[in-house]
Amino acid sequence: MAADNTIKIIMRSSASHFFYTTTKNKRNKKEKLVMKRYDPIVRKHVEFNEEKMK
């Protein structure tokens, strides 16, 4: 049942081409997620922005 309310998204780094995948609640999908996470390519914490999964 919980899977019906979630969608898969990509969190792409603002500093490189690295990305994480995660899930998001469909009810809150109006705002784009922006999170600070570790980017192993540039070896520091940077902002990751939400993109739609293709």
C-alpha atoms as a PDB file:
ATOM      1  CA  MET A   1       0.000   0.000   0.000  1.00  0.00           C
ATOM      2  CA  ALA A   2       2.776   2.440   0.805  1.00  0.00           C
ATOM      3  CA  ALA A   3       4.290   2.018  -2.657  1.00  0.00           C
ATOM      4  CA  ASP A   4       1.156   3.519  -4.237  1.00  0.00           C
ATOM      5  CA  ASN A   5       1.871   6.907  -2.641  1.00  0.00           C
ATOM      6  CA  THR A   6       5.547   7.106  -3.632  1.00  0.00           C
ATOM      7  CA  ILE A   7       7.448   7.954  -6.802  1.00  0.00           C
ATOM      8  CA  LYS A   8      11.130   7.449  -7.617  1.00  0.00           C
ATOM      9  CA  ILE A   9      13.251  10.541  -8.208  1.00  0.00           C
ATOM     10  CA  ILE A  10      16.876  11.369  -8.974  1.00  0.00           C
ATOM     11  CA  MET A  11      18.859  13.788  -6.826  1.00  0.00           C
ATOM     12  CA  ARG A  12      21.572  15.224  -9.115  1.00  0.00           C
ATOM     13  CA  SER A  13      24.641  17.051  -7.789  1.00  0.00           C
ATOM     14  CA  SER A  14      25.083  20.737  -8.592  1.00  0.00           C
ATOM     15  CA  ALA A  15      28.891  20.307  -8.767  1.00  0.00           C
ATOM     16  CA  SER A  16      29.285  17.141 -10.874  1.00  0.00           C
ATOM     17  CA  HIS A  17      27.352  14.461 -12.745  1.00  0.00           C
ATOM     18  CA  PHE A  18      26.924  12.251  -9.643  1.00  0.00           C
ATOM     19  CA  PHE A  19      23.376  11.382  -8.488  1.00  0.00           C
ATOM     20  CA  TYR A  20      21.417   9.540  -5.813  1.00  0.00           C
ATOM     21  CA  THR A  21      18.033   7.862  -6.262  1.00  0.00           C
ATOM     22  CA  THR A  22      15.335   8.159  -3.638  1.00  0.00           C
ATOM     23  CA  THR A  23      11.569   8.048  -3.232  1.00  0.00           C
ATOM     24  CA  LYS A  24       9.157  10.879  -2.611  1.00  0.00           C
ATOM     25  CA  ASN A  25       5.576  11.097  -1.397  1.00  0.00           C
ATOM     26  CA  LYS A  26       3.182  11.879  -4.280  1.00  0.00           C
ATOM     27  CA  ARG A  27       1.133  14.214  -2.110  1.00  0.00           C
ATOM     28  CA  ASN A  28       4.138  16.520  -1.563  1.00  0.00           C
ATOM     29  CA  LYS A  29       5.383  16.528  -5.153  1.00  0.00           C
ATOM     30  CA  LYS A  30       4.609  20.199  -5.837  1.00  0.00           C
ATOM     31  CA  GLU A  31       7.907  21.436  -4.378  1.00  0.00           C
ATOM     32  CA  LYS A  32      11.252  20.319  -5.756  1.00  0.00           C
ATOM     33  CA  LEU A  33      13.566  18.753  -3.193  1.00  0.00           C
ATOM     34  CA  VAL A  34      16.945  20.336  -2.497  1.00  0.00           C
ATOM     35  CA  MET A  35      19.257  18.529  -0.086  1.00  0.00           C
ATOM     36  CA  LYS A  36      22.878  18.846   0.949  1.00  0.00           C
ATOM     37  CA  ARG A  37      24.642  15.494   0.591  1.00  0.00           C
ATOM     38  CA  TYR A  38      28.142  14.163   0.099  1.00  0.00           C
ATOM     39  CA  ASP A  39      29.464  14.084  -3.471  1.00  0.00           C
ATOM     40  CA  PRO A  40      32.352  11.578  -3.755  1.00  0.00           C
ATOM     41  CA  ILE A  41      33.555  13.022  -7.080  1.00  0.00           C
ATOM     42  CA  VAL A  42      34.343  16.485  -5.680  1.00  0.00           C
ATOM     43  CA  ARG A  43      34.831  15.054  -2.150  1.00  0.00           C
ATOM     44  CA  LYS A  44      32.651  17.527  -0.255  1.00  0.00           C
ATOM     45  CA  HIS A  45      29.042  18.254   0.642  1.00  0.00           C
ATOM     46  CA  VAL A  46      27.099  20.039  -2.119  1.00  0.00           C
ATOM     47  CA  GLU A  47      23.465  20.705  -2.969  1.00  0.00           C
ATOM     48  CA  PHE A  48      21.522  18.003  -4.778  1.00  0.00           C
ATOM     49  CA  ASN A  49      18.445  18.998  -6.808  1.00  0.00           C
ATOM     50  CA  GLU A  50      15.501  16.832  -7.714  1.00  0.00           C
ATOM     51  CA  GLU A  51      15.042  15.572 -11.269  1.00  0.00           C
ATOM     52  CA  LYS A  52      12.373  13.381 -12.737  1.00  0.00           C
ATOM     53  CA  MET A  53      13.383   9.766 -13.393  1.00  0.00           C
ATOM     54  CA  LYS A  54      13.282   8.812 -17.071  1.00  0.00           C
END
